């Protein structure tokens, strides 16, 4: 039975290659993103949708905080 430290996998990225492949994927309508231990592949349209949703949620949170602040004044 393998212990947990043996089961841990580490991934290393060749970021130069990742950037080159990202350019090729982008030309084909895809977006490749990497952060921490995740690599994400989106269609460009799906990434725009994801960014719009994230922006909308962020703005909603800011407005809610601002309204709450004014109610307390």
PDB file of N, CA and C in Angstrom:
ATOM      1  N   UNK A   1       0.845  -1.175   0.000  1.00  0.00           N
ATOM      2  CA  UNK A   1       0.000   0.000   0.000  1.00  0.00           C
ATOM      3  C   UNK A   1       0.892   1.241   0.000  1.00  0.00           C
ATOM      4  N   UNK A   2       0.673   2.125  -0.950  1.00  0.00           N
ATOM      5  CA  UNK A   2       1.480   3.344  -1.047  1.00  0.00           C
ATOM      6  C   UNK A   2       1.003   4.362  -0.026  1.00  0.00           C
ATOM      7  N   UNK A   3       1.965   5.037   0.598  1.00  0.00           N
ATOM      8  CA  UNK A   3       1.532   6.076   1.533  1.00  0.00           C
ATOM      9  C   UNK A   3       1.194   7.355   0.765  1.00  0.00           C
ATOM     10  N   UNK A   4       0.594   8.313   1.484  1.00  0.00           N
ATOM     11  CA  UNK A   4       0.101   9.519   0.814  1.00  0.00           C
ATOM     12  C   UNK A   4       1.216  10.318   0.147  1.00  0.00           C
ATOM     13  N   UNK A   5       2.388  10.363   0.749  1.00  0.00           N
ATOM     14  CA  UNK A   5       3.470  11.147   0.145  1.00  0.00           C
ATOM     15  C   UNK A   5       3.916  10.542  -1.181  1.00  0.00           C
ATOM     16  N   UNK A   6       3.814   9.211  -1.314  1.00  0.00           N
ATOM     17  CA  UNK A   6       4.170   8.569  -2.575  1.00  0.00           C
ATOM     18  C   UNK A   6       3.115   8.818  -3.643  1.00  0.00           C
ATOM     19  N   UNK A   7       1.875   9.008  -3.222  1.00  0.00           N
ATOM     20  CA  UNK A   7       0.778   9.178  -4.168  1.00  0.00           C
ATOM     21  C   UNK A   7       0.692  10.607  -4.697  1.00  0.00           C
ATOM     22  N   UNK A   8       1.376  11.552  -4.050  1.00  0.00           N
ATOM     23  CA  UNK A   8       1.330  12.953  -4.480  1.00  0.00           C
ATOM     24  C   UNK A   8       2.025  13.097  -5.827  1.00  0.00           C
ATOM     25  N   UNK A   9       1.332  13.720  -6.764  1.00  0.00           N
ATOM     26  CA  UNK A   9       1.920  13.939  -8.080  1.00  0.00           C
ATOM     27  C   UNK A   9       2.214  15.413  -8.259  1.00  0.00           C
ATOM     28  N   UNK A  10       3.320  15.716  -8.879  1.00  0.00           N
ATOM     29  CA  UNK A  10       3.653  17.095  -9.193  1.00  0.00           C
ATOM     30  C   UNK A  10       3.714  17.239 -10.698  1.00  0.00           C
ATOM     31  N   UNK A  11       3.234  18.373 -11.161  1.00  0.00           N
ATOM     32  CA  UNK A  11       3.229  18.645 -12.587  1.00  0.00           C
ATOM     33  C   UNK A  11       4.105  19.862 -12.855  1.00  0.00           C
ATOM     34  N   UNK A  12       4.906  19.768 -13.866  1.00  0.00           N
ATOM     35  CA  UNK A  12       5.762  20.876 -14.261  1.00  0.00           C
ATOM     36  C   UNK A  12       5.398  21.265 -15.679  1.00  0.00           C
ATOM     37  N   UNK A  13       5.312  22.559 -15.926  1.00  0.00           N
ATOM     38  CA  UNK A  13       4.933  23.040 -17.244  1.00  0.00           C
ATOM     39  C   UNK A  13       6.116  23.702 -17.920  1.00  0.00           C
ATOM     40  N   UNK A  14       6.229  23.465 -19.188  1.00  0.00           N
ATOM     41  CA  UNK A  14       7.161  24.208 -20.024  1.00  0.00           C
ATOM     42  C   UNK A  14       6.378  25.438 -20.485  1.00  0.00           C
ATOM     43  N   UNK A  15       6.556  26.561 -19.779  1.00  0.00           N
ATOM     44  CA  UNK A  15       5.723  27.732 -20.038  1.00  0.00           C
ATOM     45  C   UNK A  15       5.943  28.320 -21.424  1.00  0.00           C
ATOM     46  N   UNK A  16       7.145  28.211 -21.974  1.00  0.00           N
ATOM     47  CA  UNK A  16       7.382  28.689 -23.338  1.00  0.00           C
ATOM     48  C   UNK A  16       6.522  27.883 -24.307  1.00  0.00           C
ATOM     49  N   UNK A  17       6.541  26.571 -24.153  1.00  0.00           N
ATOM     50  CA  UNK A  17       5.717  25.715 -25.016  1.00  0.00           C
ATOM     51  C   UNK A  17       4.233  25.998 -24.790  1.00  0.00           C
ATOM     52  N   UNK A  18       3.849  26.213 -23.537  1.00  0.00           N
ATOM     53  CA  UNK A  18       2.462  26.517 -23.215  1.00  0.00           C
ATOM     54  C   UNK A  18       2.019  27.791 -23.929  1.00  0.00           C
ATOM     55  N   UNK A  19       2.880  28.817 -23.942  1.00  0.00           N
ATOM     56  CA  UNK A  19       2.544  30.061 -24.633  1.00  0.00           C
ATOM     57  C   UNK A  19       2.418  29.859 -26.135  1.00  0.00           C
ATOM     58  N   UNK A  20       3.319  29.084 -26.712  1.00  0.00           N
ATOM     59  CA  UNK A  20       3.257  28.804 -28.149  1.00  0.00           C
ATOM     60  C   UNK A  20       1.981  28.039 -28.472  1.00  0.00           C
ATOM     61  N   UNK A  21       1.671  27.017 -27.685  1.00  0.00           N
ATOM     62  CA  UNK A  21       0.456  26.246 -27.921  1.00  0.00           C
ATOM     63  C   UNK A  21      -0.784  27.094 -27.683  1.00  0.00           C
ATOM     64  N   UNK A  22      -0.720  28.003 -26.720  1.00  0.00           N
ATOM     65  CA  UNK A  22      -1.850  28.884 -26.456  1.00  0.00           C
ATOM     66  C   UNK A  22      -2.140  29.748 -27.677  1.00  0.00           C
ATOM     67  N   UNK A  23      -1.101  30.260 -28.317  1.00  0.00           N
ATOM     68  CA  UNK A  23      -1.303  31.064 -29.535  1.00  0.00           C
ATOM     69  C   UNK A  23      -1.961  30.224 -30.626  1.00  0.00           C
ATOM     70  N   UNK A  24      -1.503  28.997 -30.798  1.00  0.00           N
ATOM     71  CA  UNK A  24      -2.085  28.121 -31.823  1.00  0.00           C
ATOM     72  C   UNK A  24      -3.535  27.791 -31.486  1.00  0.00           C
ATOM     73  N   UNK A  25      -3.812  27.485 -30.222  1.00  0.00           N
ATOM     74  CA  UNK A  25      -5.181  27.179 -29.812  1.00  0.00           C
ATOM     75  C   UNK A  25      -6.084  28.392 -29.971  1.00  0.00           C
ATOM     76  N   UNK A  26      -5.569  29.579 -29.624  1.00  0.00           N
ATOM     77  CA  UNK A  26      -6.371  30.796 -29.725  1.00  0.00           C
ATOM     78  C   UNK A  26      -6.775  31.046 -31.178  1.00  0.00           C
ATOM     79  N   UNK A  27      -5.855  30.813 -32.099  1.00  0.00           N
ATOM     80  CA  UNK A  27      -6.180  30.972 -33.521  1.00  0.00           C
ATOM     81  C   UNK A  27      -7.260  29.996 -33.958  1.00  0.00           C
ATOM     82  N   UNK A  28      -7.359  28.863 -33.268  1.00  0.00           N
ATOM     83  CA  UNK A  28      -8.378  27.856 -33.599  1.00  0.00           C
ATOM     84  C   UNK A  28      -9.661  28.040 -32.799  1.00  0.00           C
ATOM     85  N   UNK A  29      -9.736  29.107 -31.990  1.00  0.00           N
ATOM     86  CA  UNK A  29     -10.957  29.386 -31.241  1.00  0.00           C
ATOM     87  C   UNK A  29     -10.973  28.860 -29.820  1.00  0.00           C
ATOM     88  N   UNK A  30      -9.790  28.549 -29.281  1.00  0.00           N
ATOM     89  CA  UNK A  30      -9.704  28.035 -27.916  1.00  0.00           C
ATOM     90  C   UNK A  30      -8.807  28.924 -27.067  1.00  0.00           C
ATOM     91  N   UNK A  31      -8.985  28.836 -25.753  1.00  0.00           N
ATOM     92  CA  UNK A  31      -8.154  29.566 -24.801  1.00  0.00           C
ATOM     93  C   UNK A  31      -7.614  28.561 -23.800  1.00  0.00           C
ATOM     94  N   UNK A  32      -6.312  28.570 -23.601  1.00  0.00           N
ATOM     95  CA  UNK A  32      -5.653  27.692 -22.644  1.00  0.00           C
ATOM     96  C   UNK A  32      -5.129  28.548 -21.509  1.00  0.00           C
ATOM     97  N   UNK A  33      -5.522  28.220 -20.293  1.00  0.00           N
ATOM     98  CA  UNK A  33      -5.054  28.968 -19.138  1.00  0.00           C
ATOM     99  C   UNK A  33      -4.465  28.032 -18.105  1.00  0.00           C
ATOM    100  N   UNK A  34      -3.419  28.476 -17.439  1.00  0.00           N
ATOM    101  CA  UNK A  34      -2.795  27.659 -16.398  1.00  0.00           C
ATOM    102  C   UNK A  34      -2.563  28.523 -15.173  1.00  0.00           C
ATOM    103  N   UNK A  35      -2.918  27.979 -14.021  1.00  0.00           N
ATOM    104  CA  UNK A  35      -2.631  28.654 -12.760  1.00  0.00           C
ATOM    105  C   UNK A  35      -2.586  27.605 -11.668  1.00  0.00           C
ATOM    106  N   UNK A  36      -1.689  27.799 -10.724  1.00  0.00           N
ATOM    107  CA  UNK A  36      -1.486  26.834  -9.651  1.00  0.00           C
ATOM    108  C   UNK A  36      -1.312  25.448 -10.251  1.00  0.00           C
ATOM    109  N   UNK A  37      -2.151  24.507  -9.896  1.00  0.00           N
ATOM    110  CA  UNK A  37      -1.994  23.154 -10.442  1.00  0.00           C
ATOM    111  C   UNK A  37      -3.090  22.830 -11.446  1.00  0.00           C
ATOM    112  N   UNK A  38      -3.729  23.866 -12.002  1.00  0.00           N
ATOM    113  CA  UNK A  38      -4.828  23.639 -12.935  1.00  0.00           C
ATOM    114  C   UNK A  38      -4.484  24.149 -14.325  1.00  0.00           C
ATOM    115  N   UNK A  39      -4.919  23.414 -15.307  1.00  0.00           N
ATOM    116  CA  UNK A  39      -4.871  23.875 -16.692  1.00  0.00           C
ATOM    117  C   UNK A  39      -6.301  23.841 -17.185  1.00  0.00           C
ATOM    118  N   UNK A  40      -6.742  24.937 -17.778  1.00  0.00           N
ATOM    119  CA  UNK A  40      -8.116  25.018 -18.265  1.00  0.00           C
ATOM    120  C   UNK A  40      -8.101  25.233 -19.766  1.00  0.00           C
ATOM    121  N   UNK A  41      -9.002  24.564 -20.448  1.00  0.00           N
ATOM    122  CA  UNK A  41      -9.157  24.756 -21.881  1.00  0.00           C
ATOM    123  C   UNK A  41     -10.591  25.189 -22.128  1.00  0.00           C
ATOM    124  N   UNK A  42     -10.760  26.383 -22.667  1.00  0.00           N
ATOM    125  CA  UNK A  42     -12.078  26.926 -22.970  1.00  0.00           C
ATOM    126  C   UNK A  42     -12.171  27.190 -24.463  1.00  0.00           C
ATOM    127  N   UNK A  43     -13.402  27.211 -24.977  1.00  0.00           N
ATOM    128  CA  UNK A  43     -13.570  27.869 -26.264  1.00  0.00           C
ATOM    129  C   UNK A  43     -13.494  29.353 -25.944  1.00  0.00           C
ATOM    130  N   UNK A  44     -13.165  30.176 -26.916  1.00  0.00           N
ATOM    131  CA  UNK A  44     -13.069  31.611 -26.670  1.00  0.00           C
ATOM    132  C   UNK A  44     -14.421  32.148 -26.214  1.00  0.00           C
ATOM    133  N   UNK A  45     -15.517  31.659 -26.808  1.00  0.00           N
ATOM    134  CA  UNK A  45     -16.863  32.103 -26.410  1.00  0.00           C
ATOM    135  C   UNK A  45     -17.160  31.718 -24.960  1.00  0.00           C
ATOM    136  N   UNK A  46     -16.773  30.523 -24.545  1.00  0.00           N
ATOM    137  CA  UNK A  46     -17.007  30.085 -23.163  1.00  0.00           C
ATOM    138  C   UNK A  46     -16.180  30.919 -22.193  1.00  0.00           C
ATOM    139  N   UNK A  47     -14.974  31.279 -22.577  1.00  0.00           N
ATOM    140  CA  UNK A  47     -14.149  32.123 -21.704  1.00  0.00           C
ATOM    141  C   UNK A  47     -14.773  33.497 -21.564  1.00  0.00           C
ATOM    142  N   UNK A  48     -15.281  34.073 -22.654  1.00  0.00           N
ATOM    143  CA  UNK A  48     -15.960  35.375 -22.566  1.00  0.00           C
ATOM    144  C   UNK A  48     -17.157  35.286 -21.625  1.00  0.00           C
ATOM    145  N   UNK A  49     -17.919  34.194 -21.735  1.00  0.00           N
ATOM    146  CA  UNK A  49     -19.076  34.003 -20.858  1.00  0.00           C
ATOM    147  C   UNK A  49     -18.619  33.905 -19.402  1.00  0.00           C
ATOM    148  N   UNK A  50     -17.579  33.112 -19.142  1.00  0.00           N
ATOM    149  CA  UNK A  50     -17.059  32.939 -17.791  1.00  0.00           C
ATOM    150  C   UNK A  50     -16.600  34.278 -17.221  1.00  0.00           C
ATOM    151  N   UNK A  51     -15.876  35.073 -18.029  1.00  0.00           N
ATOM    152  CA  UNK A  51     -15.418  36.383 -17.570  1.00  0.00           C
ATOM    153  C   UNK A  51     -16.588  37.318 -17.291  1.00  0.00           C
ATOM    154  N   UNK A  52     -17.622  37.268 -18.139  1.00  0.00           N
ATOM    155  CA  UNK A  52     -18.805  38.108 -17.926  1.00  0.00           C
ATOM    156  C   UNK A  52     -19.498  37.730 -16.623  1.00  0.00           C
ATOM    157  N   UNK A  53     -19.620  36.436 -16.359  1.00  0.00           N
ATOM    158  CA  UNK A  53     -20.250  35.981 -15.117  1.00  0.00           C
ATOM    159  C   UNK A  53     -19.430  36.411 -13.902  1.00  0.00           C
ATOM    160  N   UNK A  54     -18.119  36.229 -13.967  1.00  0.00           N
ATOM    161  CA  UNK A  54     -17.249  36.603 -12.851  1.00  0.00           C
ATOM    162  C   UNK A  54     -17.310  38.108 -12.609  1.00  0.00           C
ATOM    163  N   UNK A  55     -17.317  38.895 -13.677  1.00  0.00           N
ATOM    164  CA  UNK A  55     -17.406  40.349 -13.550  1.00  0.00           C
ATOM    165  C   UNK A  55     -18.734  40.753 -12.952  1.00  0.00           C
ATOM    166  N   UNK A  56     -19.806  40.130 -13.420  1.00  0.00           N
ATOM    167  CA  UNK A  56     -21.148  40.432 -12.915  1.00  0.00           C
ATOM    168  C   UNK A  56     -21.251  40.133 -11.423  1.00  0.00           C
ATOM    169  N   UNK A  57     -20.733  38.989 -11.001  1.00  0.00           N
ATOM    170  CA  UNK A  57     -20.765  38.627  -9.585  1.00  0.00           C
ATOM    171  C   UNK A  57     -19.932  39.594  -8.749  1.00  0.00           C
ATOM    172  N   UNK A  58     -18.784  40.016  -9.285  1.00  0.00           N
ATOM    173  CA  UNK A  58     -17.919  40.951  -8.564  1.00  0.00           C
ATOM    174  C   UNK A  58     -18.623  42.303  -8.401  1.00  0.00           C
ATOM    175  N   UNK A  59     -19.237  42.805  -9.476  1.00  0.00           N
ATOM    176  CA  UNK A  59     -19.943  44.089  -9.419  1.00  0.00           C
ATOM    177  C   UNK A  59     -21.122  44.002  -8.461  1.00  0.00           C
ATOM    178  N   UNK A  60     -21.861  42.892  -8.510  1.00  0.00           N
ATOM    179  CA  UNK A  60     -22.995  42.710  -7.599  1.00  0.00           C
ATOM    180  C   UNK A  60     -22.526  42.746  -6.149  1.00  0.00           C
ATOM    181  N   UNK A  61     -21.423  42.082  -5.854  1.00  0.00           N
ATOM    182  CA  UNK A  61     -20.875  42.081  -4.499  1.00  0.00           C
ATOM    183  C   UNK A  61     -20.476  43.490  -4.069  1.00  0.00           C
ATOM    184  N   UNK A  62     -19.818  44.230  -4.957  1.00  0.00           N
ATOM    185  CA  UNK A  62     -19.418  45.597  -4.629  1.00  0.00           C
ATOM    186  C   UNK A  62     -20.628  46.487  -4.371  1.00  0.00           C
ATOM    187  N   UNK A  63     -21.658  46.377  -5.217  1.00  0.00           N
ATOM    188  CA  UNK A  63     -22.862  47.191  -5.038  1.00  0.00           C
ATOM    189  C   UNK A  63     -23.581  46.835  -3.745  1.00  0.00           C
ATOM    190  N   UNK A  64     -23.634  45.551  -3.428  1.00  0.00           N
ATOM    191  CA  UNK A  64     -24.282  45.113  -2.191  1.00  0.00           C
ATOM    192  C   UNK A  64     -23.556  45.685  -0.981  1.00  0.00           C
ATOM    193  N   UNK A  65     -22.237  45.637  -0.996  1.00  0.00           N
ATOM    194  CA  UNK A  65     -21.454  46.207   0.109  1.00  0.00           C
ATOM    195  C   UNK A  65     -21.680  47.713   0.220  1.00  0.00           C
ATOM    196  N   UNK A  66     -21.712  48.398  -0.928  1.00  0.00           N
ATOM    197  CA  UNK A  66     -21.907  49.848  -0.928  1.00  0.00           C
ATOM    198  C   UNK A  66     -23.289  50.208  -0.387  1.00  0.00           C
ATOM    199  N   UNK A  67     -24.322  49.481  -0.800  1.00  0.00           N
ATOM    200  CA  UNK A  67     -25.675  49.747  -0.307  1.00  0.00           C
ATOM    201  C   UNK A  67     -25.752  49.479   1.192  1.00  0.00           C
ATOM    202  N   UNK A  68     -25.126  48.408   1.644  1.00  0.00           N
ATOM    203  CA  UNK A  68     -25.114  48.076   3.070  1.00  0.00           C
ATOM    204  C   UNK A  68     -24.426  49.186   3.866  1.00  0.00           C
ATOM    205  N   UNK A  69     -23.318  49.693   3.334  1.00  0.00           N
ATOM    206  CA  UNK A  69     -22.578  50.772   3.991  1.00  0.00           C
ATOM    207  C   UNK A  69     -23.456  52.020   4.123  1.00  0.00           C
ATOM    208  N   UNK A  70     -24.193  52.376   3.059  1.00  0.00           N
ATOM    209  CA  UNK A  70     -25.059  53.558   3.095  1.00  0.00           C
ATOM    210  C   UNK A  70     -26.232  53.369   4.052  1.00  0.00           C
ATOM    211  N   UNK A  71     -26.733  52.155   4.168  1.00  0.00           N
ATOM    212  CA  UNK A  71     -27.840  51.901   5.092  1.00  0.00           C
ATOM    213  C   UNK A  71     -27.407  52.067   6.542  1.00  0.00           C
ATOM    214  N   UNK A  72     -26.133  51.783   6.815  1.00  0.00           N
ATOM    215  CA  UNK A  72     -25.626  51.904   8.180  1.00  0.00           C
ATOM    216  C   UNK A  72     -25.318  53.349   8.559  1.00  0.00           C
ATOM    217  N   UNK A  73     -25.150  54.219   7.565  1.00  0.00           N
ATOM    218  CA  UNK A  73     -24.846  55.638   7.852  1.00  0.00           C
ATOM    219  C   UNK A  73     -26.050  56.393   8.348  1.00  0.00           C
TER     220      UNK A  73
END
